[in-house]
Amino acid sequence: MNEQEIYLKEKQTQLHKYELKLLELKNLTSEFDADANRKLYKQIDSLELKLKEAKTKLESFAKARKEEIEAYKKAIDETFIAINI
């Protein structure tokens, strides 16, 4: 396995963990009042968009040429920092 494949695998694993945490958040919604649910849904929507963005970047990274790898890594790392679940 080369460096690109290792990085991709690590980030896919991290993304999967984020998705599981998002499911946990979704399951909490029924326990709160309507106002709290609205706030939580807003956060959930934001996280879903960020996770989708991360998936797209990982797909592009998987197809990246050697000279593009570092630029993709930087963009992916920034996206994962923004997710910060």
Protein backbone atom coordinates (compact mmCIF):
# COMPACT_ATOMS: atom_id res chain seq x y z
CA MET A 1 0.00 0.00 0.00
CA ASN A 2 1.46 3.37 -0.96
CA GLU A 3 1.30 6.62 1.00
CA GLN A 4 -1.73 7.89 -0.91
CA GLU A 5 -3.70 4.71 -0.22
CA ILE A 6 -2.78 4.76 3.47
CA TYR A 7 -3.85 8.40 3.84
CA LEU A 8 -7.10 7.71 1.99
CA LYS A 9 -7.88 4.71 4.19
CA GLU A 10 -7.19 6.70 7.38
CA LYS A 11 -9.44 9.56 6.30
CA GLN A 12 -12.21 7.20 5.19
CA THR A 13 -12.10 5.57 8.62
CA GLN A 14 -12.24 8.97 10.31
CA LEU A 15 -15.14 10.01 8.08
CA HIS A 16 -17.01 6.85 9.01
CA LYS A 17 -16.57 7.68 12.70
CA TYR A 18 -17.95 11.17 12.04
CA GLU A 19 -20.96 9.63 10.31
CA LEU A 20 -21.62 7.42 13.32
CA LYS A 21 -21.46 10.43 15.64
CA LEU A 22 -23.89 12.24 13.36
CA LEU A 23 -26.32 9.33 13.71
CA GLU A 24 -26.00 9.65 17.47
CA LEU A 25 -26.91 13.33 17.20
CA LYS A 26 -29.93 12.51 15.09
CA ASN A 27 -31.09 10.03 17.70
CA LEU A 28 -30.95 12.72 20.39
CA THR A 29 -33.52 14.92 18.69
CA SER A 30 -36.53 13.13 20.09
CA GLU A 31 -35.34 13.76 23.64
CA PHE A 32 -35.47 17.57 23.39
CA ASP A 33 -38.15 20.17 23.03
CA ALA A 34 -39.06 21.71 19.67
CA ASP A 35 -36.73 24.70 20.02
CA ALA A 36 -33.78 22.53 20.93
CA ASN A 37 -34.63 20.19 18.04
CA ARG A 38 -34.60 23.11 15.56
CA LYS A 39 -31.13 24.11 16.74
CA LEU A 40 -29.92 20.53 16.61
CA TYR A 41 -31.33 20.02 13.09
CA LYS A 42 -29.50 23.13 11.94
CA GLN A 43 -26.22 21.68 13.26
CA ILE A 44 -27.02 18.31 11.72
CA ASP A 45 -27.67 19.89 8.32
CA SER A 46 -24.39 21.76 8.51
CA LEU A 47 -22.50 18.59 9.45
CA GLU A 48 -24.13 16.62 6.66
CA LEU A 49 -22.95 19.19 4.12
CA LYS A 50 -19.41 19.09 5.50
CA LEU A 51 -19.38 15.29 5.45
CA LYS A 52 -20.58 15.29 1.86
CA GLU A 53 -17.83 17.76 0.98
CA ALA A 54 -15.26 15.53 2.68
CA LYS A 55 -16.46 12.48 0.73
CA THR A 56 -16.20 14.38 -2.54
CA LYS A 57 -12.67 15.52 -1.73
CA LEU A 58 -11.64 11.99 -0.78
CA GLU A 59 -13.01 10.66 -4.07
CA SER A 60 -10.99 13.27 -5.96
CA PHE A 61 -7.92 12.50 -3.88
CA ALA A 62 -8.18 8.81 -4.78
CA LYS A 63 -7.84 9.79 -8.45
CA ALA A 64 -5.18 12.46 -7.93
CA ARG A 65 -1.85 12.42 -9.69
CA LYS A 66 1.35 12.42 -7.64
CA GLU A 67 1.93 16.15 -8.10
CA GLU A 68 -1.60 16.93 -6.84
CA ILE A 69 -1.51 14.83 -3.68
CA GLU A 70 -0.20 17.47 -1.26
CA ALA A 71 -2.73 20.07 -2.40
CA TYR A 72 -5.54 17.56 -1.95
CA LYS A 73 -4.26 16.56 1.48
CA LYS A 74 -4.31 20.18 2.61
CA ALA A 75 -7.87 20.68 1.38
CA ILE A 76 -9.03 17.43 2.99
CA ASP A 77 -7.36 18.24 6.31
CA GLU A 78 -9.04 21.66 6.34
CA THR A 79 -12.41 20.07 5.70
CA PHE A 80 -11.92 17.56 8.51
CA ILE A 81 -10.93 20.36 10.87
CA ALA A 82 -14.14 22.18 9.92
CA ILE A 83 -16.20 19.08 10.70
CA ASN A 84 -14.68 18.78 14.19
CA ILE A 85 -17.42 16.67 15.74
